[in-house]
Amino acid sequence: MTDFIDEDLSGSRFERINLAGSRFERINLSGAEFSASDMVDTRFRGVQMRGVELSDVDIYGEIGNLTINGVDVGPGERRARPEVPRAGQDAPDQRRRLPRGVGCR
């Protein structure tokens, strides 16, 4: 495998690239755009996302300590692990509604 350490790849275009099993540490993805992408069995730990736009996104998996727009929506110390759909299957409707009066800022 190729290692990219202290490289400036800003402005690069990656299309139909397989980065499965790759590890990203201290990476700047400011202004990056992901579309028609699969992030299966992907872990985000200690990540801050600001100015992020999420639209038409389904998230299924283990969730802990998740805050969205200042609202704690994660289960905290408990961990929620809903049924994860297999490739090619529709995901079950497991959306949770926030309590009345709680919403995005």
PDB file of N, CA and C in Angstrom:
ATOM      1  N   MET A   1       0.821  -1.190   0.000  1.00  0.00           N
ATOM      2  CA  MET A   1       0.000   0.000   0.000  1.00  0.00           C
ATOM      3  C   MET A   1       0.863   1.251   0.000  1.00  0.00           C
ATOM      4  N   THR A   2       0.331   2.293  -0.576  1.00  0.00           N
ATOM      5  CA  THR A   2       1.018   3.576  -0.624  1.00  0.00           C
ATOM      6  C   THR A   2       0.673   4.385   0.618  1.00  0.00           C
ATOM      7  N   ASP A   3       1.675   4.993   1.236  1.00  0.00           N
ATOM      8  CA  ASP A   3       1.463   5.882   2.371  1.00  0.00           C
ATOM      9  C   ASP A   3       1.572   7.321   1.886  1.00  0.00           C
ATOM     10  N   PHE A   4       0.599   8.145   2.286  1.00  0.00           N
ATOM     11  CA  PHE A   4       0.652   9.568   2.010  1.00  0.00           C
ATOM     12  C   PHE A   4       0.823  10.258   3.361  1.00  0.00           C
ATOM     13  N   ILE A   5       2.006  10.752   3.633  1.00  0.00           N
ATOM     14  CA  ILE A   5       2.303  11.408   4.904  1.00  0.00           C
ATOM     15  C   ILE A   5       2.831  12.806   4.598  1.00  0.00           C
ATOM     16  N   ASP A   6       2.218  13.818   5.225  1.00  0.00           N
ATOM     17  CA  ASP A   6       2.590  15.219   4.988  1.00  0.00           C
ATOM     18  C   ASP A   6       2.507  15.591   3.511  1.00  0.00           C
ATOM     19  N   GLU A   7       1.469  15.090   2.832  1.00  0.00           N
ATOM     20  CA  GLU A   7       1.258  15.407   1.416  1.00  0.00           C
ATOM     21  C   GLU A   7       0.134  16.433   1.289  1.00  0.00           C
ATOM     22  N   ASP A   8       0.218  17.293   0.301  1.00  0.00           N
ATOM     23  CA  ASP A   8      -0.858  18.243   0.008  1.00  0.00           C
ATOM     24  C   ASP A   8      -1.585  17.740  -1.236  1.00  0.00           C
ATOM     25  N   LEU A   9      -2.733  17.129  -1.031  1.00  0.00           N
ATOM     26  CA  LEU A   9      -3.548  16.623  -2.138  1.00  0.00           C
ATOM     27  C   LEU A   9      -4.788  17.478  -2.330  1.00  0.00           C
ATOM     28  N   SER A  10      -4.749  18.724  -1.811  1.00  0.00           N
ATOM     29  CA  SER A  10      -5.927  19.593  -1.898  1.00  0.00           C
ATOM     30  C   SER A  10      -6.309  19.805  -3.359  1.00  0.00           C
ATOM     31  N   GLY A  11      -7.623  19.831  -3.593  1.00  0.00           N
ATOM     32  CA  GLY A  11      -8.144  20.033  -4.937  1.00  0.00           C
ATOM     33  C   GLY A  11      -8.162  18.767  -5.776  1.00  0.00           C
ATOM     34  N   SER A  12      -7.720  17.643  -5.219  1.00  0.00           N
ATOM     35  CA  SER A  12      -7.704  16.377  -5.961  1.00  0.00           C
ATOM     36  C   SER A  12      -9.110  15.844  -6.141  1.00  0.00           C
ATOM     37  N   ARG A  13      -9.290  15.065  -7.172  1.00  0.00           N
ATOM     38  CA  ARG A  13     -10.583  14.417  -7.427  1.00  0.00           C
ATOM     39  C   ARG A  13     -10.369  12.912  -7.348  1.00  0.00           C
ATOM     40  N   PHE A  14     -11.198  12.264  -6.539  1.00  0.00           N
ATOM     41  CA  PHE A  14     -11.147  10.817  -6.394  1.00  0.00           C
ATOM     42  C   PHE A  14     -12.492  10.281  -6.866  1.00  0.00           C
ATOM     43  N   GLU A  15     -12.504   9.503  -7.912  1.00  0.00           N
ATOM     44  CA  GLU A  15     -13.751   8.962  -8.443  1.00  0.00           C
ATOM     45  C   GLU A  15     -13.569   7.476  -8.706  1.00  0.00           C
ATOM     46  N   ARG A  16     -14.555   6.696  -8.235  1.00  0.00           N
ATOM     47  CA  ARG A  16     -14.499   5.238  -8.347  1.00  0.00           C
ATOM     48  C   ARG A  16     -13.173   4.700  -7.794  1.00  0.00           C
ATOM     49  N   ILE A  17     -12.816   5.166  -6.589  1.00  0.00           N
ATOM     50  CA  ILE A  17     -11.581   4.760  -5.918  1.00  0.00           C
ATOM     51  C   ILE A  17     -11.956   3.896  -4.719  1.00  0.00           C
ATOM     52  N   ASN A  18     -11.235   2.828  -4.499  1.00  0.00           N
ATOM     53  CA  ASN A  18     -11.474   1.962  -3.357  1.00  0.00           C
ATOM     54  C   ASN A  18     -10.484   2.312  -2.254  1.00  0.00           C
ATOM     55  N   LEU A  19     -10.988   2.922  -1.189  1.00  0.00           N
ATOM     56  CA  LEU A  19     -10.158   3.260  -0.034  1.00  0.00           C
ATOM     57  C   LEU A  19     -10.547   2.406   1.174  1.00  0.00           C
ATOM     58  N   ALA A  20     -11.179   1.249   0.914  1.00  0.00           N
ATOM     59  CA  ALA A  20     -11.613   0.364   1.994  1.00  0.00           C
ATOM     60  C   ALA A  20     -10.418  -0.018   2.854  1.00  0.00           C
ATOM     61  N   GLY A  21     -10.628   0.030   4.167  1.00  0.00           N
ATOM     62  CA  GLY A  21      -9.576  -0.346   5.102  1.00  0.00           C
ATOM     63  C   GLY A  21      -8.510   0.714   5.300  1.00  0.00           C
ATOM     64  N   SER A  22      -8.676   1.872   4.682  1.00  0.00           N
ATOM     65  CA  SER A  22      -7.696   2.955   4.831  1.00  0.00           C
ATOM     66  C   SER A  22      -7.836   3.608   6.194  1.00  0.00           C
ATOM     67  N   ARG A  23      -6.795   4.234   6.632  1.00  0.00           N
ATOM     68  CA  ARG A  23      -6.798   4.929   7.929  1.00  0.00           C
ATOM     69  C   ARG A  23      -6.465   6.391   7.689  1.00  0.00           C
ATOM     70  N   PHE A  24      -7.267   7.273   8.260  1.00  0.00           N
ATOM     71  CA  PHE A  24      -7.069   8.706   8.109  1.00  0.00           C
ATOM     72  C   PHE A  24      -6.839   9.309   9.491  1.00  0.00           C
ATOM     73  N   GLU A  25      -5.729   9.980   9.692  1.00  0.00           N
ATOM     74  CA  GLU A  25      -5.423  10.635  10.964  1.00  0.00           C
ATOM     75  C   GLU A  25      -5.016  12.079  10.689  1.00  0.00           C
ATOM     76  N   ARG A  26      -5.558  12.992  11.515  1.00  0.00           N
ATOM     77  CA  ARG A  26      -5.248  14.415  11.397  1.00  0.00           C
ATOM     78  C   ARG A  26      -5.391  14.878   9.937  1.00  0.00           C
ATOM     79  N   ILE A  27      -6.534  14.605   9.357  1.00  0.00           N
ATOM     80  CA  ILE A  27      -6.811  14.924   7.948  1.00  0.00           C
ATOM     81  C   ILE A  27      -7.723  16.149   7.880  1.00  0.00           C
ATOM     82  N   ASN A  28      -7.440  17.064   6.970  1.00  0.00           N
ATOM     83  CA  ASN A  28      -8.272  18.238   6.736  1.00  0.00           C
ATOM     84  C   ASN A  28      -9.146  17.959   5.527  1.00  0.00           C
ATOM     85  N   LEU A  29     -10.442  17.785   5.756  1.00  0.00           N
ATOM     86  CA  LEU A  29     -11.388  17.544   4.668  1.00  0.00           C
ATOM     87  C   LEU A  29     -12.290  18.761   4.447  1.00  0.00           C
ATOM     88  N   SER A  30     -11.822  19.944   4.838  1.00  0.00           N
ATOM     89  CA  SER A  30     -12.613  21.169   4.660  1.00  0.00           C
ATOM     90  C   SER A  30     -12.985  21.333   3.188  1.00  0.00           C
ATOM     91  N   GLY A  31     -14.271  21.558   2.943  1.00  0.00           N
ATOM     92  CA  GLY A  31     -14.745  21.770   1.582  1.00  0.00           C
ATOM     93  C   GLY A  31     -14.875  20.502   0.773  1.00  0.00           C
ATOM     94  N   ALA A  32     -14.606  19.333   1.378  1.00  0.00           N
ATOM     95  CA  ALA A  32     -14.728  18.070   0.650  1.00  0.00           C
ATOM     96  C   ALA A  32     -16.196  17.739   0.420  1.00  0.00           C
ATOM     97  N   GLU A  33     -16.483  17.029  -0.637  1.00  0.00           N
ATOM     98  CA  GLU A  33     -17.843  16.619  -0.950  1.00  0.00           C
ATOM     99  C   GLU A  33     -17.859  15.122  -1.206  1.00  0.00           C
ATOM    100  N   PHE A  34     -18.792  14.440  -0.548  1.00  0.00           N
ATOM    101  CA  PHE A  34     -18.975  13.009  -0.741  1.00  0.00           C
ATOM    102  C   PHE A  34     -20.359  12.815  -1.334  1.00  0.00           C
ATOM    103  N   SER A  35     -20.465  12.140  -2.452  1.00  0.00           N
ATOM    104  CA  SER A  35     -21.772  11.839  -3.020  1.00  0.00           C
ATOM    105  C   SER A  35     -21.738  10.417  -3.567  1.00  0.00           C
ATOM    106  N   ALA A  36     -22.883   9.755  -3.481  1.00  0.00           N
ATOM    107  CA  ALA A  36     -23.015   8.368  -3.928  1.00  0.00           C
ATOM    108  C   ALA A  36     -21.863   7.527  -3.378  1.00  0.00           C
ATOM    109  N   SER A  37     -21.594   7.687  -2.069  1.00  0.00           N
ATOM    110  CA  SER A  37     -20.473   6.998  -1.433  1.00  0.00           C
ATOM    111  C   SER A  37     -20.981   6.073  -0.337  1.00  0.00           C
ATOM    112  N   ASP A  38     -20.325   4.945  -0.178  1.00  0.00           N
ATOM    113  CA  ASP A  38     -20.651   4.005   0.890  1.00  0.00           C
ATOM    114  C   ASP A  38     -19.626   4.136   1.995  1.00  0.00           C
ATOM    115  N   MET A  39     -20.103   4.256   3.221  1.00  0.00           N
ATOM    116  CA  MET A  39     -19.221   4.280   4.393  1.00  0.00           C
ATOM    117  C   MET A  39     -19.705   3.186   5.329  1.00  0.00           C
ATOM    118  N   VAL A  40     -19.520   1.950   4.906  1.00  0.00           N
ATOM    119  CA  VAL A  40     -19.955   0.781   5.660  1.00  0.00           C
ATOM    120  C   VAL A  40     -18.827   0.349   6.579  1.00  0.00           C
ATOM    121  N   ASP A  41     -19.165   0.013   7.827  1.00  0.00           N
ATOM    122  CA  ASP A  41     -18.168  -0.389   8.828  1.00  0.00           C
ATOM    123  C   ASP A  41     -17.092   0.677   9.001  1.00  0.00           C
ATOM    124  N   THR A  42     -17.502   1.938   9.002  1.00  0.00           N
ATOM    125  CA  THR A  42     -16.588   3.069   9.146  1.00  0.00           C
ATOM    126  C   THR A  42     -16.741   3.642  10.543  1.00  0.00           C
ATOM    127  N   ARG A  43     -15.634   3.999  11.172  1.00  0.00           N
ATOM    128  CA  ARG A  43     -15.650   4.552  12.518  1.00  0.00           C
ATOM    129  C   ARG A  43     -15.189   6.003  12.492  1.00  0.00           C
ATOM    130  N   PHE A  44     -15.943   6.860  13.173  1.00  0.00           N
ATOM    131  CA  PHE A  44     -15.559   8.248  13.378  1.00  0.00           C
ATOM    132  C   PHE A  44     -15.382   8.426  14.876  1.00  0.00           C
ATOM    133  N   ARG A  45     -14.173   8.722  15.329  1.00  0.00           N
ATOM    134  CA  ARG A  45     -13.904   8.895  16.757  1.00  0.00           C
ATOM    135  C   ARG A  45     -13.176  10.212  16.961  1.00  0.00           C
ATOM    136  N   GLY A  46     -13.664  10.999  17.915  1.00  0.00           N
ATOM    137  CA  GLY A  46     -13.017  12.276  18.207  1.00  0.00           C
ATOM    138  C   GLY A  46     -13.067  13.231  17.029  1.00  0.00           C
ATOM    139  N   VAL A  47     -14.153  13.194  16.260  1.00  0.00           N
ATOM    140  CA  VAL A  47     -14.282  14.002  15.044  1.00  0.00           C
ATOM    141  C   VAL A  47     -15.207  15.180  15.312  1.00  0.00           C
ATOM    142  N   GLN A  48     -14.806  16.372  14.858  1.00  0.00           N
ATOM    143  CA  GLN A  48     -15.669  17.547  14.908  1.00  0.00           C
ATOM    144  C   GLN A  48     -16.027  17.928  13.482  1.00  0.00           C
ATOM    145  N   MET A  49     -17.308  18.115  13.249  1.00  0.00           N
ATOM    146  CA  MET A  49     -17.800  18.523  11.932  1.00  0.00           C
ATOM    147  C   MET A  49     -18.519  19.845  12.108  1.00  0.00           C
ATOM    148  N   ARG A  50     -18.048  20.899  11.455  1.00  0.00           N
ATOM    149  CA  ARG A  50     -18.660  22.220  11.555  1.00  0.00           C
ATOM    150  C   ARG A  50     -18.971  22.720  10.143  1.00  0.00           C
ATOM    151  N   GLY A  51     -20.108  23.379   9.989  1.00  0.00           N
ATOM    152  CA  GLY A  51     -20.505  23.860   8.675  1.00  0.00           C
ATOM    153  C   GLY A  51     -20.822  22.711   7.730  1.00  0.00           C
ATOM    154  N   VAL A  52     -21.255  21.589   8.307  1.00  0.00           N
ATOM    155  CA  VAL A  52     -21.515  20.374   7.539  1.00  0.00           C
ATOM    156  C   VAL A  52     -22.943  20.380   7.027  1.00  0.00           C
ATOM    157  N   GLU A  53     -23.127  19.963   5.809  1.00  0.00           N
ATOM    158  CA  GLU A  53     -24.468  19.805   5.250  1.00  0.00           C
ATOM    159  C   GLU A  53     -24.728  18.318   5.081  1.00  0.00           C
ATOM    160  N   LEU A  54     -25.787  17.839   5.729  1.00  0.00           N
ATOM    161  CA  LEU A  54     -26.202  16.451   5.580  1.00  0.00           C
ATOM    162  C   LEU A  54     -27.583  16.454   4.956  1.00  0.00           C
ATOM    163  N   SER A  55     -27.729  15.838   3.810  1.00  0.00           N
ATOM    164  CA  SER A  55     -29.044  15.725   3.194  1.00  0.00           C
ATOM    165  C   SER A  55     -29.154  14.342   2.561  1.00  0.00           C
ATOM    166  N   ASP A  56     -30.328  13.760   2.677  1.00  0.00           N
ATOM    167  CA  ASP A  56     -30.579  12.405   2.182  1.00  0.00           C
ATOM    168  C   ASP A  56     -29.561  11.424   2.740  1.00  0.00           C
ATOM    169  N   VAL A  57     -29.369  11.451   4.063  1.00  0.00           N
ATOM    170  CA  VAL A  57     -28.385  10.614   4.741  1.00  0.00           C
ATOM    171  C   VAL A  57     -29.104   9.655   5.681  1.00  0.00           C
ATOM    172  N   ASP A  58     -28.756   8.391   5.628  1.00  0.00           N
ATOM    173  CA  ASP A  58     -29.238   7.387   6.570  1.00  0.00           C
ATOM    174  C   ASP A  58     -28.049   6.895   7.363  1.00  0.00           C
ATOM    175  N   ILE A  59     -28.177   6.875   8.685  1.00  0.00           N
ATOM    176  CA  ILE A  59     -27.102   6.407   9.549  1.00  0.00           C
ATOM    177  C   ILE A  59     -27.633   5.243  10.370  1.00  0.00           C
ATOM    178  N   TYR A  60     -26.998   4.100  10.253  1.00  0.00           N
ATOM    179  CA  TYR A  60     -27.335   2.909  11.019  1.00  0.00           C
ATOM    180  C   TYR A  60     -26.046   2.372  11.596  1.00  0.00           C
ATOM    181  N   GLY A  61     -26.007   2.120  12.876  1.00  0.00           N
ATOM    182  CA  GLY A  61     -24.815   1.574  13.488  1.00  0.00           C
ATOM    183  C   GLY A  61     -24.743   1.940  14.952  1.00  0.00           C
ATOM    184  N   GLU A  62     -23.605   1.737  15.544  1.00  0.00           N
ATOM    185  CA  GLU A  62     -23.393   2.018  16.969  1.00  0.00           C
ATOM    186  C   GLU A  62     -23.220   3.516  17.147  1.00  0.00           C
ATOM    187  N   ILE A  63     -24.032   4.107  18.032  1.00  0.00           N
ATOM    188  CA  ILE A  63     -23.995   5.550  18.255  1.00  0.00           C
ATOM    189  C   ILE A  63     -23.759   5.812  19.736  1.00  0.00           C
ATOM    190  N   GLY A  64     -22.788   6.660  20.033  1.00  0.00           N
ATOM    191  CA  GLY A  64     -22.515   7.023  21.414  1.00  0.00           C
ATOM    192  C   GLY A  64     -22.044   8.464  21.494  1.00  0.00           C
ATOM    193  N   ASN A  65     -22.589   9.219  22.442  1.00  0.00           N
ATOM    194  CA  ASN A  65     -22.184  10.610  22.663  1.00  0.00           C
ATOM    195  C   ASN A  65     -22.243  11.436  21.381  1.00  0.00           C
ATOM    196  N   LEU A  66     -23.404  11.527  20.782  1.00  0.00           N
ATOM    197  CA  LEU A  66     -23.597  12.269  19.539  1.00  0.00           C
ATOM    198  C   LEU A  66     -24.343  13.563  19.824  1.00  0.00           C
ATOM    199  N   THR A  67     -23.770  14.687  19.394  1.00  0.00           N
ATOM    200  CA  THR A  67     -24.399  15.996  19.532  1.00  0.00           C
ATOM    201  C   THR A  67     -24.548  16.605  18.147  1.00  0.00           C
ATOM    202  N   ILE A  68     -25.750  17.062  17.831  1.00  0.00           N
ATOM    203  CA  ILE A  68     -26.014  17.707  16.542  1.00  0.00           C
ATOM    204  C   ILE A  68     -26.566  19.088  16.828  1.00  0.00           C
ATOM    205  N   ASN A  69     -25.890  20.112  16.316  1.00  0.00           N
ATOM    206  CA  ASN A  69     -26.291  21.504  16.519  1.00  0.00           C
ATOM    207  C   ASN A  69     -26.538  21.816  17.988  1.00  0.00           C
ATOM    208  N   GLY A  70     -25.661  21.318  18.841  1.00  0.00           N
ATOM    209  CA  GLY A  70     -25.751  21.593  20.261  1.00  0.00           C
ATOM    210  C   GLY A  70     -26.766  20.754  21.017  1.00  0.00           C
ATOM    211  N   VAL A  71     -27.495  19.879  20.331  1.00  0.00           N
ATOM    212  CA  VAL A  71     -28.500  19.031  20.957  1.00  0.00           C
ATOM    213  C   VAL A  71     -27.937  17.623  21.097  1.00  0.00           C
ATOM    214  N   ASP A  72     -27.913  17.106  22.344  1.00  0.00           N
ATOM    215  CA  ASP A  72     -27.423  15.757  22.574  1.00  0.00           C
ATOM    216  C   ASP A  72     -28.466  14.767  22.069  1.00  0.00           C
ATOM    217  N   VAL A  73     -28.178  14.093  20.973  1.00  0.00           N
ATOM    218  CA  VAL A  73     -29.117  13.130  20.395  1.00  0.00           C
ATOM    219  C   VAL A  73     -28.621  11.709  20.538  1.00  0.00           C
ATOM    220  N   GLY A  74     -27.392  11.549  21.023  1.00  0.00           N
ATOM    221  CA  GLY A  74     -26.835  10.212  21.209  1.00  0.00           C
ATOM    222  C   GLY A  74     -27.241   9.645  22.543  1.00  0.00           C
ATOM    223  N   PRO A  75     -27.128   8.332  22.679  1.00  0.00           N
ATOM    224  CA  PRO A  75     -27.537   7.694  23.926  1.00  0.00           C
ATOM    225  C   PRO A  75     -26.531   7.825  25.055  1.00  0.00           C
ATOM    226  N   GLY A  76     -25.474   8.598  24.903  1.00  0.00           N
ATOM    227  CA  GLY A  76     -24.502   8.790  25.971  1.00  0.00           C
ATOM    228  C   GLY A  76     -23.738   7.523  26.274  1.00  0.00           C
ATOM    229  N   GLU A  77     -23.701   7.147  27.551  1.00  0.00           N
ATOM    230  CA  GLU A  77     -22.944   5.963  27.949  1.00  0.00           C
ATOM    231  C   GLU A  77     -23.543   4.688  27.383  1.00  0.00           C
ATOM    232  N   ARG A  78     -24.878   4.670  27.225  1.00  0.00           N
ATOM    233  CA  ARG A  78     -25.495   3.506  26.581  1.00  0.00           C
ATOM    234  C   ARG A  78     -25.106   3.533  25.122  1.00  0.00           C
ATOM    235  N   ARG A  79     -25.080   2.440  24.522  1.00  0.00           N
ATOM    236  CA  ARG A  79     -24.760   2.376  23.101  1.00  0.00           C
ATOM    237  C   ARG A  79     -25.943   1.766  22.369  1.00  0.00           C
ATOM    238  N   ALA A  80     -26.380   2.439  21.317  1.00  0.00           N
ATOM    239  CA  ALA A  80     -27.480   1.931  20.505  1.00  0.00           C
ATOM    240  C   ALA A  80     -26.894   1.234  19.293  1.00  0.00           C
ATOM    241  N   ARG A  81     -27.319   0.037  19.044  1.00  0.00           N
ATOM    242  CA  ARG A  81     -26.836  -0.691  17.875  1.00  0.00           C
ATOM    243  C   ARG A  81     -28.046  -1.283  17.160  1.00  0.00           C
ATOM    244  N   PRO A  82     -28.662  -0.478  16.293  1.00  0.00           N
ATOM    245  CA  PRO A  82     -29.833  -0.964  15.563  1.00  0.00           C
ATOM    246  C   PRO A  82     -29.433  -1.993  14.517  1.00  0.00           C
ATOM    247  N   GLU A  83     -30.419  -2.670  14.024  1.00  0.00           N
ATOM    248  CA  GLU A  83     -30.176  -3.638  12.956  1.00  0.00           C
ATOM    249  C   GLU A  83     -29.616  -2.909  11.742  1.00  0.00           C
ATOM    250  N   VAL A  84     -28.498  -3.386  11.237  1.00  0.00           N
ATOM    251  CA  VAL A  84     -27.862  -2.772  10.078  1.00  0.00           C
ATOM    252  C   VAL A  84     -28.282  -3.555   8.846  1.00  0.00           C
ATOM    253  N   PRO A  85     -28.851  -2.878   7.835  1.00  0.00           N
ATOM    254  CA  PRO A  85     -29.291  -3.593   6.643  1.00  0.00           C
ATOM    255  C   PRO A  85     -28.103  -4.150   5.875  1.00  0.00           C
ATOM    256  N   ARG A  86     -28.291  -5.301   5.273  1.00  0.00           N
ATOM    257  CA  ARG A  86     -27.254  -5.887   4.424  1.00  0.00           C
ATOM    258  C   ARG A  86     -27.244  -5.157   3.090  1.00  0.00           C
ATOM    259  N   ALA A  87     -26.140  -5.263   2.382  1.00  0.00           N
ATOM    260  CA  ALA A  87     -26.016  -4.596   1.087  1.00  0.00           C
ATOM    261  C   ALA A  87     -27.193  -4.995   0.201  1.00  0.00           C
ATOM    262  N   GLY A  88     -27.806  -4.024  -0.425  1.00  0.00           N
ATOM    263  CA  GLY A  88     -28.911  -4.273  -1.343  1.00  0.00           C
ATOM    264  C   GLY A  88     -30.269  -4.332  -0.670  1.00  0.00           C
ATOM    265  N   GLN A  89     -30.309  -4.265   0.665  1.00  0.00           N
ATOM    266  CA  GLN A  89     -31.576  -4.281   1.382  1.00  0.00           C
ATOM    267  C   GLN A  89     -31.954  -2.867   1.792  1.00  0.00           C
ATOM    268  N   ASP A  90     -33.245  -2.614   1.836  1.00  0.00           N
ATOM    269  CA  ASP A  90     -33.706  -1.323   2.348  1.00  0.00           C
ATOM    270  C   ASP A  90     -33.566  -1.332   3.858  1.00  0.00           C
ATOM    271  N   ALA A  91     -33.192  -0.183   4.407  1.00  0.00           N
ATOM    272  CA  ALA A  91     -33.032  -0.063   5.856  1.00  0.00           C
ATOM    273  C   ALA A  91     -34.400   0.031   6.513  1.00  0.00           C
ATOM    274  N   PRO A  92     -34.573  -0.620   7.665  1.00  0.00           N
ATOM    275  CA  PRO A  92     -35.845  -0.489   8.384  1.00  0.00           C
ATOM    276  C   PRO A  92     -36.014   0.936   8.882  1.00  0.00           C
ATOM    277  N   ASP A  93     -37.251   1.377   9.030  1.00  0.00           N
ATOM    278  CA  ASP A  93     -37.506   2.730   9.503  1.00  0.00           C
ATOM    279  C   ASP A  93     -37.261   2.767  11.008  1.00  0.00           C
ATOM    280  N   GLN A  94     -36.085   3.255  11.404  1.00  0.00           N
ATOM    281  CA  GLN A  94     -35.728   3.318  12.815  1.00  0.00           C
ATOM    282  C   GLN A  94     -35.501   4.755  13.244  1.00  0.00           C
ATOM    283  N   ARG A  95     -36.081   5.698  12.536  1.00  0.00           N
ATOM    284  CA  ARG A  95     -35.892   7.100  12.887  1.00  0.00           C
ATOM    285  C   ARG A  95     -36.535   7.399  14.225  1.00  0.00           C
ATOM    286  N   ARG A  96     -35.814   8.154  15.053  1.00  0.00           N
ATOM    287  CA  ARG A  96     -36.355   8.583  16.340  1.00  0.00           C
ATOM    288  C   ARG A  96     -36.676  10.056  16.239  1.00  0.00           C
ATOM    289  N   ARG A  97     -37.781  10.432  16.801  1.00  0.00           N
ATOM    290  CA  ARG A  97     -38.195  11.828  16.814  1.00  0.00           C
ATOM    291  C   ARG A  97     -37.664  12.496  18.071  1.00  0.00           C
ATOM    292  N   LEU A  98     -37.190  13.740  17.945  1.00  0.00           N
ATOM    293  CA  LEU A  98     -36.777  14.513  19.107  1.00  0.00           C
ATOM    294  C   LEU A  98     -38.026  14.951  19.864  1.00  0.00           C
ATOM    295  N   PRO A  99     -37.908  15.137  21.169  1.00  0.00           N
ATOM    296  CA  PRO A  99     -39.069  15.608  21.941  1.00  0.00           C
ATOM    297  C   PRO A  99     -39.573  16.948  21.411  1.00  0.00           C
ATOM    298  N   ARG A 100     -40.857  17.184  21.540  1.00  0.00           N
ATOM    299  CA  ARG A 100     -41.462  18.437  21.072  1.00  0.00           C
ATOM    300  C   ARG A 100     -40.721  19.621  21.664  1.00  0.00           C
ATOM    301  N   GLY A 101     -40.389  20.604  20.835  1.00  0.00           N
ATOM    302  CA  GLY A 101     -39.699  21.795  21.288  1.00  0.00           C
ATOM    303  C   GLY A 101     -38.180  21.692  21.158  1.00  0.00           C
ATOM    304  N   VAL A 102     -37.688  20.497  20.868  1.00  0.00           N
ATOM    305  CA  VAL A 102     -36.245  20.322  20.678  1.00  0.00           C
ATOM    306  C   VAL A 102     -35.991  20.240  19.196  1.00  0.00           C
ATOM    307  N   GLY A 103     -35.055  21.004  18.709  1.00  0.00           N
ATOM    308  CA  GLY A 103     -34.771  20.978  17.281  1.00  0.00           C
ATOM    309  C   GLY A 103     -33.448  21.628  16.973  1.00  0.00           C
ATOM    310  N   CYS A 104     -33.211  21.824  15.707  1.00  0.00           N
ATOM    311  CA  CYS A 104     -31.952  22.432  15.262  1.00  0.00           C
ATOM    312  C   CYS A 104     -32.009  23.926  15.468  1.00  0.00           C
ATOM    313  N   ARG A 105     -30.835  24.483  15.741  1.00  0.00           N
ATOM    314  CA  ARG A 105     -30.750  25.941  15.889  1.00  0.00           C
ATOM    315  C   ARG A 105     -30.649  26.624  14.559  1.00  0.00           C
TER     316      ARG A 105
END
